[in-house]
Amino acid sequence: MEYDADLDAVGLLCPLPVLKARKRLQPLQSGQVLRVRADDPAAVVDVPHFCAEAGHRLIGSEDDGPVQTYYIAKG
């Protein structure tokens, strides 16, 4: 999947992946996509919840062993 910005949150624990995603999304234009890689088990719940609360769209996710990759389109 194509993306416009990247965030490597591997090794960070809740709530840091979501907080860093929020900051990384700020300069993006509406519709641009941020790829977030995280291995925090809570990210499975936190990232979709963050998208719903902040008005962004979770347009895809993938598992690669312990690392999850999320694709977030800025709202």
Protein backbone atom coordinates (compact mmCIF):
# COMPACT_ATOMS: atom_id res chain seq x y z
CA MET A 1 0.00 0.00 0.00
CA GLU A 2 1.28 3.48 -0.82
CA TYR A 3 1.78 6.05 1.92
CA ASP A 4 2.93 9.65 2.26
CA ALA A 5 4.60 9.53 5.68
CA ASP A 6 6.05 6.87 7.94
CA LEU A 7 6.21 6.34 11.70
CA ASP A 8 8.26 3.59 13.30
CA ALA A 9 6.76 3.08 16.77
CA VAL A 10 8.29 -0.37 17.30
CA GLY A 11 9.45 -0.67 20.90
CA LEU A 12 7.14 2.07 22.17
CA LEU A 13 4.37 1.27 24.64
CA CYS A 14 0.88 2.74 25.04
CA PRO A 15 0.10 5.58 24.63
CA LEU A 16 3.24 6.61 22.71
CA PRO A 17 2.39 5.04 19.31
CA VAL A 18 -0.91 6.95 19.15
CA LEU A 19 0.57 10.19 20.50
CA LYS A 20 3.36 10.07 17.93
CA ALA A 21 0.88 9.22 15.16
CA ARG A 22 -1.21 12.27 16.10
CA LYS A 23 1.87 14.50 15.89
CA ARG A 24 3.03 12.94 12.60
CA LEU A 25 -0.42 13.41 11.01
CA GLN A 26 -0.57 17.15 11.78
CA PRO A 27 1.45 18.42 8.79
CA LEU A 28 -0.25 16.05 6.32
CA GLN A 29 -3.03 17.15 3.99
CA SER A 30 -6.48 15.61 4.24
CA GLY A 31 -6.46 12.22 2.51
CA GLN A 32 -2.72 11.68 2.79
CA VAL A 33 -1.70 8.36 4.34
CA LEU A 34 0.52 7.68 7.34
CA ARG A 35 2.05 4.23 7.79
CA VAL A 36 2.53 3.30 11.45
CA ARG A 37 4.56 0.25 12.53
CA ALA A 38 4.08 -0.83 16.15
CA ASP A 39 4.59 -3.89 18.31
CA ASP A 40 2.66 -2.71 21.38
CA PRO A 41 -0.16 -5.25 21.96
CA ALA A 42 -2.50 -2.38 22.91
CA ALA A 43 -2.08 -0.78 19.46
CA VAL A 44 -4.60 -3.28 18.04
CA VAL A 45 -7.27 -1.45 20.06
CA ASP A 46 -5.67 2.00 20.41
CA VAL A 47 -5.04 2.79 16.74
CA PRO A 48 -8.61 2.10 15.47
CA HIS A 49 -10.02 3.97 18.49
CA PHE A 50 -7.73 6.94 17.84
CA CYS A 51 -8.81 7.05 14.18
CA ALA A 52 -12.50 6.99 15.09
CA GLU A 53 -12.12 9.68 17.77
CA ALA A 54 -9.88 11.99 15.70
CA GLY A 55 -11.82 11.70 12.41
CA HIS A 56 -9.16 9.77 10.50
CA ARG A 57 -9.74 6.56 8.52
CA LEU A 58 -7.91 3.32 9.18
CA ILE A 59 -7.65 2.10 5.58
CA GLY A 60 -5.62 -1.04 6.19
CA SER A 61 -3.55 -3.08 8.59
CA GLU A 62 -1.13 -5.98 8.33
CA ASP A 63 0.58 -8.33 10.77
CA ASP A 64 4.23 -9.26 10.32
CA GLY A 65 4.96 -11.46 13.30
CA PRO A 66 4.99 -9.27 16.41
CA VAL A 67 4.83 -6.03 14.38
CA GLN A 68 1.56 -4.57 13.15
CA THR A 69 1.43 -2.04 10.34
CA TYR A 70 -1.45 0.44 10.13
CA TYR A 71 -2.35 2.76 7.27
CA ILE A 72 -4.17 5.89 8.41
CA ALA A 73 -5.71 8.40 5.99
CA LYS A 74 -5.89 11.86 7.52
CA GLY A 75 -9.45 13.10 7.94
